[in-house]
C-alpha atoms as a PDB file:
ATOM      1  CA  MET A   1      30.962  52.743  32.829  1.00  0.00           C
ATOM      2  CA  THR A   2      32.281  53.860  36.216  1.00  0.00           C
ATOM      3  CA  ASP A   3      35.736  53.932  37.710  1.00  0.00           C
ATOM      4  CA  ASP A   4      34.373  52.607  40.989  1.00  0.00           C
ATOM      5  CA  ARG A   5      34.323  48.852  40.449  1.00  0.00           C
ATOM      6  CA  SER A   6      34.109  47.571  44.018  1.00  0.00           C
ATOM      7  CA  VAL A   7      31.688  47.697  46.925  1.00  0.00           C
ATOM      8  CA  ILE A   8      31.359  46.277  50.437  1.00  0.00           C
ATOM      9  CA  LEU A   9      28.187  44.204  50.462  1.00  0.00           C
ATOM     10  CA  LYS A  10      25.735  45.353  53.109  1.00  0.00           C
ATOM     11  CA  HIS A  11      24.523  41.974  54.342  1.00  0.00           C
ATOM     12  CA  SER A  12      27.608  39.758  54.175  1.00  0.00           C
ATOM     13  CA  GLY A  13      30.283  42.408  54.642  1.00  0.00           C
ATOM     14  CA  TYR A  14      32.260  40.847  51.792  1.00  0.00           C
ATOM     15  CA  ARG A  15      34.069  42.964  49.217  1.00  0.00           C
ATOM     16  CA  ALA A  16      32.769  42.594  45.666  1.00  0.00           C
ATOM     17  CA  VAL A  17      34.929  43.799  42.799  1.00  0.00           C
ATOM     18  CA  ILE A  18      34.513  43.738  39.032  1.00  0.00           C
ATOM     19  CA  GLU A  19      37.796  43.173  37.235  1.00  0.00           C
ATOM     20  CA  PRO A  20      38.538  43.245  33.491  1.00  0.00           C
ATOM     21  CA  ASP A  21      39.452  39.910  31.937  1.00  0.00           C
ATOM     22  CA  ARG A  22      43.110  40.268  31.031  1.00  0.00           C
ATOM     23  CA  PHE A  23      42.772  37.927  28.058  1.00  0.00           C
ATOM     24  CA  VAL A  24      39.320  38.605  26.571  1.00  0.00           C
ATOM     25  CA  PRO A  25      38.539  42.181  25.466  1.00  0.00           C
ATOM     26  CA  GLY A  26      35.093  43.291  26.602  1.00  0.00           C
ATOM     27  CA  ALA A  27      34.888  40.624  29.316  1.00  0.00           C
ATOM     28  CA  TYR A  28      34.797  41.085  33.090  1.00  0.00           C
ATOM     29  CA  GLU A  29      34.822  38.947  36.218  1.00  0.00           C
ATOM     30  CA  LEU A  30      32.901  39.494  39.439  1.00  0.00           C
ATOM     31  CA  VAL A  31      34.937  38.450  42.486  1.00  0.00           C
ATOM     32  CA  VAL A  32      33.319  38.301  45.943  1.00  0.00           C
ATOM     33  CA  ASP A  33      35.484  37.760  49.030  1.00  0.00           C
ATOM     34  CA  GLY A  34      38.284  36.597  46.751  1.00  0.00           C
ATOM     35  CA  THR A  35      36.075  34.012  45.026  1.00  0.00           C
ATOM     36  CA  PRO A  36      35.331  34.397  41.285  1.00  0.00           C
ATOM     37  CA  GLN A  37      31.535  34.271  41.020  1.00  0.00           C
ATOM     38  CA  SER A  38      30.589  35.504  37.567  1.00  0.00           C
ATOM     39  CA  HIS A  39      32.110  36.151  34.156  1.00  0.00           C
ATOM     40  CA  VAL A  40      30.446  38.416  31.614  1.00  0.00           C
ATOM     41  CA  ASN A  41      31.394  39.269  28.044  1.00  0.00           C
ATOM     42  CA  LEU A  42      29.604  42.520  27.245  1.00  0.00           C
ATOM     43  CA  ASP A  43      30.404  42.130  23.558  1.00  0.00           C
ATOM     44  CA  ASP A  44      29.029  38.577  23.431  1.00  0.00           C
ATOM     45  CA  PRO A  45      26.648  37.596  26.267  1.00  0.00           C
ATOM     46  CA  THR A  46      26.322  34.115  24.757  1.00  0.00           C
ATOM     47  CA  GLN A  47      29.924  33.362  25.738  1.00  0.00           C
ATOM     48  CA  LEU A  48      29.798  31.420  29.002  1.00  0.00           C
ATOM     49  CA  PHE A  49      33.196  31.166  30.651  1.00  0.00           C
ATOM     50  CA  PHE A  50      32.797  29.041  33.787  1.00  0.00           C
ATOM     51  CA  GLU A  51      32.231  25.345  33.109  1.00  0.00           C
ATOM     52  CA  TYR A  52      29.201  25.017  35.368  1.00  0.00           C
ATOM     53  CA  ILE A  53      27.558  28.007  33.694  1.00  0.00           C
ATOM     54  CA  GLN A  54      28.201  26.409  30.306  1.00  0.00           C
ATOM     55  CA  ARG A  55      26.445  23.260  31.512  1.00  0.00           C
ATOM     56  CA  MET A  56      23.486  25.334  32.688  1.00  0.00           C
ATOM     57  CA  GLY A  57      23.410  27.121  29.337  1.00  0.00           C
ATOM     58  CA  ASN A  58      23.376  23.777  27.540  1.00  0.00           C
ATOM     59  CA  VAL A  59      20.256  22.759  29.459  1.00  0.00           C
ATOM     60  CA  ILE A  60      18.570  26.114  28.861  1.00  0.00           C
ATOM     61  CA  ASP A  61      19.124  25.632  25.124  1.00  0.00           C
ATOM     62  CA  LEU A  62      17.088  22.414  25.281  1.00  0.00           C
ATOM     63  CA  ILE A  63      14.045  23.831  27.073  1.00  0.00           C
ATOM     64  CA  GLY A  64      11.015  24.086  24.808  1.00  0.00           C
ATOM     65  CA  ASP A  65      11.564  25.242  21.234  1.00  0.00           C
ATOM     66  CA  PRO A  66      15.062  26.593  20.479  1.00  0.00           C
ATOM     67  CA  GLY A  67      15.240  30.372  20.422  1.00  0.00           C
ATOM     68  CA  GLN A  68      11.695  30.895  21.687  1.00  0.00           C
ATOM     69  CA  PRO A  69      10.980  33.108  24.711  1.00  0.00           C
ATOM     70  CA  ILE A  70      10.729  31.530  28.141  1.00  0.00           C
ATOM     71  CA  THR A  71       9.749  32.653  31.624  1.00  0.00           C
ATOM     72  CA  ALA A  72      12.696  32.380  34.003  1.00  0.00           C
ATOM     73  CA  VAL A  73      13.276  33.038  37.694  1.00  0.00           C
ATOM     74  CA  HIS A  74      16.845  33.387  38.934  1.00  0.00           C
ATOM     75  CA  LEU A  75      17.550  33.036  42.656  1.00  0.00           C
ATOM     76  CA  GLY A  76      20.864  34.831  43.056  1.00  0.00           C
ATOM     77  CA  ALA A  77      22.078  37.537  40.693  1.00  0.00           C
ATOM     78  CA  GLY A  78      25.869  37.596  40.568  1.00  0.00           C
ATOM     79  CA  ALA A  79      26.741  39.592  37.460  1.00  0.00           C
ATOM     80  CA  MET A  80      23.546  38.321  35.774  1.00  0.00           C
ATOM     81  CA  THR A  81      25.415  36.058  33.374  1.00  0.00           C
ATOM     82  CA  LEU A  82      22.488  33.700  32.755  1.00  0.00           C
ATOM     83  CA  PRO A  83      19.808  36.405  32.483  1.00  0.00           C
ATOM     84  CA  ARG A  84      21.990  38.007  29.810  1.00  0.00           C
ATOM     85  CA  TYR A  85      22.361  34.641  28.074  1.00  0.00           C
ATOM     86  CA  VAL A  86      18.622  33.994  28.091  1.00  0.00           C
ATOM     87  CA  ALA A  87      17.904  37.503  26.794  1.00  0.00           C
ATOM     88  CA  ALA A  88      20.394  37.004  23.952  1.00  0.00           C
ATOM     89  CA  THR A  89      19.461  33.461  22.951  1.00  0.00           C
ATOM     90  CA  ARG A  90      15.700  33.705  23.609  1.00  0.00           C
ATOM     91  CA  PRO A  91      14.628  37.285  22.817  1.00  0.00           C
ATOM     92  CA  GLY A  92      11.373  38.319  24.438  1.00  0.00           C
ATOM     93  CA  SER A  93      11.868  36.158  27.508  1.00  0.00           C
ATOM     94  CA  ARG A  94      10.364  37.361  30.776  1.00  0.00           C
ATOM     95  CA  GLN A  95      12.845  37.116  33.650  1.00  0.00           C
ATOM     96  CA  GLN A  96      12.793  37.761  37.382  1.00  0.00           C
ATOM     97  CA  VAL A  97      15.947  37.947  39.508  1.00  0.00           C
ATOM     98  CA  ILE A  98      15.993  37.768  43.305  1.00  0.00           C
ATOM     99  CA  GLU A  99      19.114  39.089  45.038  1.00  0.00           C
ATOM    100  CA  LEU A 100      19.825  39.858  48.682  1.00  0.00           C
ATOM    101  CA  GLU A 101      22.587  42.405  48.090  1.00  0.00           C
ATOM    102  CA  GLN A 102      21.067  45.480  46.478  1.00  0.00           C
ATOM    103  CA  ASN A 103      24.360  47.335  46.217  1.00  0.00           C
ATOM    104  CA  LEU A 104      25.831  44.361  44.326  1.00  0.00           C
ATOM    105  CA  VAL A 105      23.155  44.726  41.662  1.00  0.00           C
ATOM    106  CA  GLU A 106      23.706  48.476  41.584  1.00  0.00           C
ATOM    107  CA  LEU A 107      27.433  47.906  41.016  1.00  0.00           C
ATOM    108  CA  VAL A 108      26.776  45.369  38.260  1.00  0.00           C
ATOM    109  CA  ARG A 109      24.256  47.583  36.521  1.00  0.00           C
ATOM    110  CA  SER A 110      26.659  50.519  36.659  1.00  0.00           C
ATOM    111  CA  VAL A 111      29.772  48.734  35.414  1.00  0.00           C
ATOM    112  CA  LEU A 112      28.173  45.961  33.363  1.00  0.00           C
ATOM    113  CA  PRO A 113      24.826  47.312  32.095  1.00  0.00           C
ATOM    114  CA  LEU A 114      22.263  44.845  30.808  1.00  0.00           C
ATOM    115  CA  PRO A 115      21.654  44.734  27.051  1.00  0.00           C
ATOM    116  CA  ARG A 116      18.934  46.977  25.688  1.00  0.00           C
ATOM    117  CA  GLY A 117      15.615  45.237  25.471  1.00  0.00           C
ATOM    118  CA  ALA A 118      16.390  42.660  28.155  1.00  0.00           C
ATOM    119  CA  ASP A 119      13.187  42.156  30.186  1.00  0.00           C
ATOM    120  CA  VAL A 120      14.782  41.493  33.574  1.00  0.00           C
ATOM    121  CA  ARG A 121      12.990  42.517  36.785  1.00  0.00           C
ATOM    122  CA  VAL A 122      15.113  42.532  39.951  1.00  0.00           C
ATOM    123  CA  ARG A 123      13.593  42.054  43.403  1.00  0.00           C
ATOM    124  CA  TYR A 124      15.671  42.543  46.535  1.00  0.00           C
ATOM    125  CA  GLY A 125      15.594  40.286  49.555  1.00  0.00           C
ATOM    126  CA  ASP A 126      16.419  36.827  50.829  1.00  0.00           C
ATOM    127  CA  ALA A 127      15.677  34.312  48.077  1.00  0.00           C
ATOM    128  CA  ARG A 128      13.595  32.034  50.248  1.00  0.00           C
ATOM    129  CA  GLU A 129      11.559  34.807  51.811  1.00  0.00           C
ATOM    130  CA  MET A 130      10.952  36.429  48.443  1.00  0.00           C
ATOM    131  CA  LEU A 131       9.568  33.234  46.899  1.00  0.00           C
ATOM    132  CA  ALA A 132       6.332  33.855  48.796  1.00  0.00           C
ATOM    133  CA  LYS A 133       6.210  37.470  47.582  1.00  0.00           C
ATOM    134  CA  LEU A 134       6.486  36.882  43.850  1.00  0.00           C
ATOM    135  CA  PRO A 135       3.427  37.693  41.710  1.00  0.00           C
ATOM    136  CA  ALA A 136       0.778  34.988  41.837  1.00  0.00           C
ATOM    137  CA  GLY A 137       0.931  34.791  38.051  1.00  0.00           C
ATOM    138  CA  LEU A 138       4.428  33.305  38.265  1.00  0.00           C
ATOM    139  CA  VAL A 139       3.275  30.277  40.239  1.00  0.00           C
ATOM    140  CA  GLY A 140       3.171  27.351  37.834  1.00  0.00           C
ATOM    141  CA  ALA A 141       4.398  29.551  34.978  1.00  0.00           C
ATOM    142  CA  ALA A 142       8.216  29.389  35.030  1.00  0.00           C
ATOM    143  CA  ASP A 143       9.900  27.343  32.335  1.00  0.00           C
ATOM    144  CA  LEU A 144      13.168  27.755  34.213  1.00  0.00           C
ATOM    145  CA  VAL A 145      14.131  28.300  37.832  1.00  0.00           C
ATOM    146  CA  VAL A 146      17.842  28.804  38.522  1.00  0.00           C
ATOM    147  CA  VAL A 147      19.157  28.392  42.063  1.00  0.00           C
ATOM    148  CA  ASP A 148      22.678  29.819  42.264  1.00  0.00           C
ATOM    149  CA  ILE A 149      22.936  31.229  45.771  1.00  0.00           C
ATOM    150  CA  PHE A 150      26.267  31.748  47.483  1.00  0.00           C
ATOM    151  CA  SER A 151      27.479  33.781  50.407  1.00  0.00           C
ATOM    152  CA  GLY A 152      31.142  34.036  49.584  1.00  0.00           C
ATOM    153  CA  ALA A 153      32.122  30.510  48.535  1.00  0.00           C
ATOM    154  CA  ARG A 154      29.333  28.679  50.405  1.00  0.00           C
ATOM    155  CA  THR A 155      25.640  28.006  49.851  1.00  0.00           C
ATOM    156  CA  PRO A 156      23.597  29.114  52.901  1.00  0.00           C
ATOM    157  CA  ALA A 157      21.853  26.319  54.793  1.00  0.00           C
ATOM    158  CA  HIS A 158      18.295  27.622  54.459  1.00  0.00           C
ATOM    159  CA  VAL A 159      18.344  27.227  50.659  1.00  0.00           C
ATOM    160  CA  THR A 160      19.421  23.570  50.708  1.00  0.00           C
ATOM    161  CA  SER A 161      16.401  21.894  52.317  1.00  0.00           C
ATOM    162  CA  ARG A 162      13.461  19.891  51.016  1.00  0.00           C
ATOM    163  CA  GLU A 163      11.159  22.650  52.215  1.00  0.00           C
ATOM    164  CA  PHE A 164      13.080  25.232  50.189  1.00  0.00           C
ATOM    165  CA  TYR A 165      13.035  23.148  47.007  1.00  0.00           C
ATOM    166  CA  THR A 166       9.311  22.541  47.482  1.00  0.00           C
ATOM    167  CA  GLU A 167       8.686  26.295  47.645  1.00  0.00           C
ATOM    168  CA  ALA A 168      10.861  26.981  44.584  1.00  0.00           C
ATOM    169  CA  ALA A 169       9.283  24.140  42.586  1.00  0.00           C
ATOM    170  CA  ARG A 170       5.849  25.762  42.942  1.00  0.00           C
ATOM    171  CA  LEU A 171       6.980  28.271  40.343  1.00  0.00           C
ATOM    172  CA  LEU A 172       7.602  25.654  37.664  1.00  0.00           C
ATOM    173  CA  ALA A 173       5.268  25.203  34.744  1.00  0.00           C
ATOM    174  CA  PRO A 174       4.418  21.642  33.677  1.00  0.00           C
ATOM    175  CA  GLY A 175       7.636  20.440  32.116  1.00  0.00           C
ATOM    176  CA  GLY A 176       9.589  23.316  33.685  1.00  0.00           C
ATOM    177  CA  VAL A 177      13.170  22.750  34.768  1.00  0.00           C
ATOM    178  CA  MET A 178      15.066  23.719  37.904  1.00  0.00           C
ATOM    179  CA  LEU A 179      18.838  24.163  37.715  1.00  0.00           C
ATOM    180  CA  VAL A 180      20.826  24.204  40.957  1.00  0.00           C
ATOM    181  CA  ASN A 181      24.504  25.089  41.253  1.00  0.00           C
ATOM    182  CA  ILE A 182      26.329  23.652  44.250  1.00  0.00           C
ATOM    183  CA  ALA A 183      29.992  23.105  45.056  1.00  0.00           C
ATOM    184  CA  ASP A 184      31.467  20.157  46.910  1.00  0.00           C
ATOM    185  CA  GLY A 185      34.579  18.043  47.205  1.00  0.00           C
ATOM    186  CA  PRO A 186      35.646  14.589  48.389  1.00  0.00           C
ATOM    187  CA  PRO A 187      33.737  12.574  49.567  1.00  0.00           C
ATOM    188  CA  VAL A 188      30.845  14.560  47.954  1.00  0.00           C
ATOM    189  CA  ARG A 189      28.423  13.925  50.812  1.00  0.00           C
ATOM    190  CA  PHE A 190      26.850  17.349  50.376  1.00  0.00           C
ATOM    191  CA  ALA A 191      26.325  16.842  46.626  1.00  0.00           C
ATOM    192  CA  ARG A 192      24.779  13.406  47.117  1.00  0.00           C
ATOM    193  CA  SER A 193      22.536  14.771  49.827  1.00  0.00           C
ATOM    194  CA  GLN A 194      21.409  17.684  47.664  1.00  0.00           C
ATOM    195  CA  ALA A 195      20.715  15.336  44.747  1.00  0.00           C
ATOM    196  CA  ALA A 196      18.607  13.081  46.969  1.00  0.00           C
ATOM    197  CA  THR A 197      16.759  16.060  48.451  1.00  0.00           C
ATOM    198  CA  LEU A 198      15.971  17.663  45.097  1.00  0.00           C
ATOM    199  CA  ALA A 199      14.763  14.315  43.719  1.00  0.00           C
ATOM    200  CA  GLN A 200      12.236  14.039  46.542  1.00  0.00           C
ATOM    201  CA  VAL A 201      10.612  17.216  45.219  1.00  0.00           C
ATOM    202  CA  LEU A 202      11.301  16.860  41.480  1.00  0.00           C
ATOM    203  CA  PRO A 203      11.595  13.132  40.784  1.00  0.00           C
ATOM    204  CA  HIS A 204      13.105  13.397  37.323  1.00  0.00           C
ATOM    205  CA  ALA A 205      16.609  14.555  38.136  1.00  0.00           C
ATOM    206  CA  ALA A 206      20.145  14.536  36.804  1.00  0.00           C
ATOM    207  CA  VAL A 207      23.641  15.708  37.736  1.00  0.00           C
ATOM    208  CA  LEU A 208      26.013  17.443  35.330  1.00  0.00           C
ATOM    209  CA  ALA A 209      29.664  17.919  36.213  1.00  0.00           C
ATOM    210  CA  GLU A 210      33.236  17.198  35.271  1.00  0.00           C
ATOM    211  CA  ALA A 211      34.076  13.505  35.587  1.00  0.00           C
ATOM    212  CA  GLN A 212      36.647  13.802  38.377  1.00  0.00           C
ATOM    213  CA  VAL A 213      34.306  16.001  40.406  1.00  0.00           C
ATOM    214  CA  VAL A 214      31.480  13.435  40.235  1.00  0.00           C
ATOM    215  CA  LYS A 215      33.908  10.697  41.249  1.00  0.00           C
ATOM    216  CA  GLY A 216      34.849  12.697  44.339  1.00  0.00           C
ATOM    217  CA  ARG A 217      38.472  13.169  43.350  1.00  0.00           C
ATOM    218  CA  ARG A 218      38.517  16.955  43.517  1.00  0.00           C
ATOM    219  CA  PHE A 219      36.440  19.958  44.559  1.00  0.00           C
ATOM    220  CA  GLY A 220      34.183  21.491  41.947  1.00  0.00           C
ATOM    221  CA  ASN A 221      30.711  22.513  40.834  1.00  0.00           C
ATOM    222  CA  PHE A 222      27.733  20.222  40.362  1.00  0.00           C
ATOM    223  CA  VAL A 223      24.739  21.284  38.305  1.00  0.00           C
ATOM    224  CA  LEU A 224      21.582  19.555  39.515  1.00  0.00           C
ATOM    225  CA  VAL A 225      18.688  19.327  37.083  1.00  0.00           C
ATOM    226  CA  GLY A 226      15.168  18.625  38.327  1.00  0.00           C
ATOM    227  CA  SER A 227      11.735  18.436  36.753  1.00  0.00           C
ATOM    228  CA  ALA A 228       8.308  17.049  37.587  1.00  0.00           C
ATOM    229  CA  ALA A 229       8.175  15.687  34.030  1.00  0.00           C
ATOM    230  CA  PRO A 230      10.514  13.113  32.484  1.00  0.00           C
ATOM    231  CA  LEU A 231      13.634  14.654  30.990  1.00  0.00           C
ATOM    232  CA  PRO A 232      13.558  14.051  27.213  1.00  0.00           C
ATOM    233  CA  GLU A 233      15.715  11.124  26.073  1.00  0.00           C
ATOM    234  CA  LYS A 234      17.301  13.328  23.409  1.00  0.00           C
ATOM    235  CA  TRP A 235      18.846  15.488  26.139  1.00  0.00           C
ATOM    236  CA  LEU A 236      21.546  13.020  27.187  1.00  0.00           C
ATOM    237  CA  PRO A 237      23.470  12.752  23.907  1.00  0.00           C
ATOM    238  CA  ARG A 238      23.130  16.479  23.311  1.00  0.00           C
ATOM    239  CA  LEU A 239      24.368  17.402  26.778  1.00  0.00           C
ATOM    240  CA  MET A 240      27.269  14.980  26.517  1.00  0.00           C
ATOM    241  CA  ALA A 241      28.243  16.367  23.133  1.00  0.00           C
ATOM    242  CA  ALA A 242      27.923  19.978  24.300  1.00  0.00           C
ATOM    243  CA  GLY A 243      30.502  19.535  27.069  1.00  0.00           C
ATOM    244  CA  PRO A 244      32.576  21.202  28.351  1.00  0.00           C
ATOM    245  CA  HIS A 245      34.700  18.084  28.354  1.00  0.00           C
ATOM    246  CA  PRO A 246      35.302  15.776  30.093  1.00  0.00           C
ATOM    247  CA  ALA A 247      31.570  15.830  30.782  1.00  0.00           C
ATOM    248  CA  VAL A 248      29.420  13.475  32.831  1.00  0.00           C
ATOM    249  CA  ALA A 249      25.611  13.438  32.771  1.00  0.00           C
ATOM    250  CA  VAL A 250      24.282  11.305  35.611  1.00  0.00           C
ATOM    251  CA  LEU A 251      20.621  10.332  35.296  1.00  0.00           C
ATOM    252  CA  GLY A 252      18.318   7.316  35.490  1.00  0.00           C
ATOM    253  CA  SER A 253      19.802   4.428  37.440  1.00  0.00           C
ATOM    254  CA  ASP A 254      23.167   6.203  37.575  1.00  0.00           C
ATOM    255  CA  PHE A 255      21.508   9.140  39.324  1.00  0.00           C
ATOM    256  CA  GLU A 256      19.858   6.769  41.797  1.00  0.00           C
ATOM    257  CA  ASP A 257      23.268   5.242  42.531  1.00  0.00           C
ATOM    258  CA  PHE A 258      24.800   8.690  43.009  1.00  0.00           C
ATOM    259  CA  ALA A 259      22.033   9.900  45.331  1.00  0.00           C
ATOM    260  CA  ARG A 260      21.790   6.621  47.259  1.00  0.00           C
ATOM    261  CA  GLY A 261      22.896   7.172  50.830  1.00  0.00           C
ATOM    262  CA  GLY A 262      22.516  10.914  50.559  1.00  0.00           C
ATOM    263  CA  LEU A 263      20.633  12.186  53.587  1.00  0.00           C
ATOM    264  CA  ILE A 264      17.446  14.124  52.861  1.00  0.00           C
ATOM    265  CA  VAL A 265      17.977  17.680  54.094  1.00  0.00           C
ATOM    266  CA  THR A 266      15.218  19.382  56.054  1.00  0.00           C
ATOM    267  CA  ASP A 267      15.066  22.806  57.627  1.00  0.00           C
ATOM    268  CA  ALA A 268      15.959  21.155  60.926  1.00  0.00           C
ATOM    269  CA  THR A 269      19.095  19.461  59.601  1.00  0.00           C
ATOM    270  CA  ALA A 270      20.325  21.897  56.925  1.00  0.00           C
ATOM    271  CA  THR A 271      23.925  23.114  56.989  1.00  0.00           C
ATOM    272  CA  PRO A 272      25.885  25.376  54.619  1.00  0.00           C
ATOM    273  CA  SER A 273      27.852  23.776  51.816  1.00  0.00           C
ATOM    274  CA  PRO A 274      31.425  22.829  52.722  1.00  0.00           C
ATOM    275  CA  PRO A 275      34.030  25.538  52.188  1.00  0.00           C
ATOM    276  CA  PRO A 276      36.696  24.940  49.560  1.00  0.00           C
ATOM    277  CA  ALA A 277      40.352  25.240  50.374  1.00  0.00           C
ATOM    278  CA  ARG A 278      41.182  28.887  49.778  1.00  0.00           C
ATOM    279  CA  SER A 279      43.729  27.848  47.154  1.00  0.00           C
ATOM    280  CA  ILE A 280      40.992  26.361  44.904  1.00  0.00           C
ATOM    281  CA  PHE A 281      38.830  29.349  43.974  1.00  0.00           C
ATOM    282  CA  GLN A 282      40.397  32.250  45.790  1.00  0.00           C
ATOM    283  CA  VAL A 283      42.312  34.829  43.824  1.00  0.00           C
ATOM    284  CA  LYS A 284      44.690  37.499  45.029  1.00  0.00           C
ATOM    285  CA  PRO A 285      43.540  41.119  44.733  1.00  0.00           C
ATOM    286  CA  GLY A 286      44.500  42.564  41.397  1.00  0.00           C
ATOM    287  CA  LYS A 287      45.063  39.183  39.806  1.00  0.00           C
END
């Protein structure tokens, strides 16, 4: 451990700080520019605190055979919550993480070291640029690709387009799954547009979120699920039961209704995700 738990990120200029969870011993939160971005329990990496991360974990549990190793690529590191989860729940998994902010990873590794035996390779650079630089052996080999890229509280425009999703989808093995975390609020135009765009690349798609978020009644996180292969029918009841509640899994005709009217995003039309009101996610220093 180190007493220095904050750093100014070189690319964004934002301040990143790792703060102890006041209520859970052994747990910590990564806050960037006042926005909570990751939660890690060093004593139990299978504990997923944020609701959207829990939904992602629920999908990861359903990929392939339970408990068996997978190949995973994570675009965006944060505090490496999901790489830790995969390492704990699927020992022997091979994982690659791409992160722009090298000093963020250095801070995380210093204060929140990865578990022993976790096979996690970190590559530094812009996620989209680095997709073309990954080993050729990863193309068509990833069981899981996670897209969780934020600059502060917003997703950068260049990782929201059809061209970007096409590049990322090249990594997927047959039957592989892409998970995308985005945030949006009323009237959820950005979320609908991202759902429609992802579905153009990976036609078997779903949306997981809290009910009021999907209905456009409040700001929150959407987890988009995409695959070139049909999502197994058994997934829906299991995802609904897994929560966190109230849970909504939007797929099939419901997904088509949700994505209908969403504009397909291209590199020429891409914009960052909408910013939340600072009162939604922002926290005061020391809180």
